[in-house]
Amino acid sequence: QVQLVESGGGLVQAGGSLRLSCAASGTIFNINRMSWYRQTPGKQRELVVGIGSGGSTIYADSVKGRFTISRDSAKNTVYLQMNSLKPEDTAVYYCSYWPYWGQGTQVTVSS
């Protein structure tokens, strides 16, 4: 069993930055498999950053160059550094270690 707890969300002005954290407890075999998704009301959950089939990190086109994932294996924690935030980045952000999900953290970017 794996539990994922996100933190770091909040309200920020456009152009600002936030860093999300996802702390995992339980057995994590490969921290590189932890990924970030986001969801807005009425829309499907979408991948923000994850691991592709070849093992490389994949970012959604909408966040490339602005968001960066990092991992601390010793802490079983992954981070999502979000810079140059835009109002369209407003969403609930979830971390995932398939098939497990965190509870989500709200990010709101004001214009």
Protein backbone atom coordinates (compact mmCIF):
# COMPACT_ATOMS: atom_id res chain seq x y z
CA GLN A 1 0.00 0.00 0.00
CA VAL A 2 1.24 3.44 -0.93
CA GLN A 3 -0.03 6.77 0.36
CA LEU A 4 0.68 10.01 -1.43
CA VAL A 5 0.27 13.42 0.17
CA GLU A 6 0.55 16.58 -1.88
CA SER A 7 1.25 20.02 -0.48
CA GLY A 8 2.34 23.44 -1.64
CA GLY A 9 -0.69 24.59 -3.56
CA GLY A 10 -2.19 28.02 -3.12
CA LEU A 11 -3.10 31.29 -4.73
CA VAL A 12 -0.50 33.09 -6.81
CA GLN A 13 -0.51 35.91 -9.31
CA ALA A 14 0.22 35.28 -12.95
CA GLY A 15 3.94 35.16 -13.53
CA GLY A 16 4.59 33.83 -10.07
CA SER A 17 5.95 30.50 -8.88
CA LEU A 18 4.93 27.64 -6.66
CA ARG A 19 6.59 24.41 -5.67
CA LEU A 20 4.41 21.40 -5.05
CA SER A 21 5.56 18.44 -2.99
CA CYS A 22 4.35 14.87 -2.96
CA ALA A 23 5.48 12.72 -0.08
CA ALA A 24 5.04 9.00 -0.46
CA SER A 25 4.79 6.43 2.28
CA GLY A 26 4.87 2.70 1.75
CA THR A 27 6.91 0.71 -0.71
CA ILE A 28 8.17 2.77 -3.61
CA PHE A 29 10.14 0.63 -6.02
CA ASN A 30 10.98 3.34 -8.49
CA ILE A 31 10.51 6.97 -7.57
CA ASN A 32 11.00 7.91 -11.22
CA ARG A 33 7.56 6.46 -11.88
CA MET A 34 5.90 9.13 -9.78
CA SER A 35 4.14 11.66 -11.93
CA TRP A 36 1.99 14.78 -11.74
CA TYR A 37 -1.47 15.32 -13.20
CA ARG A 38 -3.96 18.14 -13.01
CA GLN A 39 -7.68 18.51 -13.39
CA THR A 40 -10.12 21.36 -13.79
CA PRO A 41 -13.89 21.06 -13.29
CA GLY A 42 -15.63 19.37 -16.18
CA LYS A 43 -12.41 18.22 -17.79
CA GLN A 44 -10.47 15.00 -17.76
CA ARG A 45 -7.41 14.67 -15.62
CA GLU A 46 -4.37 15.43 -17.74
CA LEU A 47 -0.73 14.50 -17.44
CA VAL A 48 1.56 17.36 -16.48
CA VAL A 49 4.80 15.41 -16.24
CA GLY A 50 5.61 11.76 -16.14
CA ILE A 51 7.83 9.01 -17.44
CA GLY A 52 7.54 7.86 -21.00
CA SER A 53 7.86 4.28 -22.18
CA GLY A 54 11.56 4.81 -22.91
CA GLY A 55 12.23 6.11 -19.43
CA SER A 56 12.55 9.74 -20.39
CA THR A 57 10.65 12.51 -18.64
CA ILE A 58 7.68 13.80 -20.59
CA TYR A 59 6.12 17.20 -20.02
CA ALA A 60 2.82 18.40 -21.36
CA ASP A 61 3.41 20.91 -24.13
CA SER A 62 1.57 23.55 -22.15
CA VAL A 63 4.11 23.45 -19.30
CA LYS A 64 7.38 22.78 -21.12
CA GLY A 65 10.06 25.24 -20.12
CA ARG A 66 8.07 26.42 -17.11
CA PHE A 67 7.58 23.35 -14.91
CA THR A 68 10.28 21.03 -13.61
CA ILE A 69 9.96 17.76 -11.76
CA SER A 70 12.58 16.68 -9.27
CA ARG A 71 12.86 13.72 -6.96
CA ASP A 72 14.42 13.01 -3.59
CA SER A 73 14.75 9.27 -3.24
CA ALA A 74 15.93 9.48 0.36
CA LYS A 75 12.69 11.24 1.30
CA ASN A 76 10.44 9.41 -1.15
CA THR A 77 9.32 12.82 -2.28
CA VAL A 78 8.82 14.38 -5.68
CA TYR A 79 8.52 18.06 -6.36
CA LEU A 80 6.98 20.12 -9.10
CA GLN A 81 8.56 23.53 -9.52
CA MET A 82 6.13 25.74 -11.41
CA ASN A 83 7.40 29.03 -12.79
CA SER A 84 5.83 31.71 -14.95
CA LEU A 85 2.41 30.54 -13.89
CA LYS A 86 -0.59 31.40 -16.04
CA PRO A 87 -4.29 31.56 -15.18
CA GLU A 88 -4.81 28.48 -17.34
CA ASP A 89 -2.57 26.53 -14.94
CA THR A 90 -5.34 26.81 -12.35
CA ALA A 91 -6.33 23.27 -11.40
CA VAL A 92 -6.17 20.62 -8.74
CA TYR A 93 -2.79 18.97 -9.00
CA TYR A 94 -2.39 15.30 -8.18
CA CYS A 95 0.65 13.13 -7.86
CA SER A 96 0.43 9.54 -8.88
CA TYR A 97 2.34 6.31 -8.41
CA TRP A 98 0.21 3.98 -10.39
CA PRO A 99 -2.32 2.82 -9.29
CA TYR A 100 -2.21 5.17 -6.34
CA TRP A 101 -3.25 8.83 -6.24
CA GLY A 102 -2.88 11.62 -3.77
CA GLN A 103 -5.78 13.74 -2.59
CA GLY A 104 -4.75 16.70 -4.71
CA THR A 105 -3.72 20.25 -3.98
CA GLN A 106 -5.41 23.32 -5.42
CA VAL A 107 -3.40 25.77 -7.47
CA THR A 108 -5.09 29.04 -8.39
CA VAL A 109 -3.39 31.59 -10.61
CA SER A 110 -4.97 35.01 -10.72
CA SER A 111 -4.65 37.32 -13.70
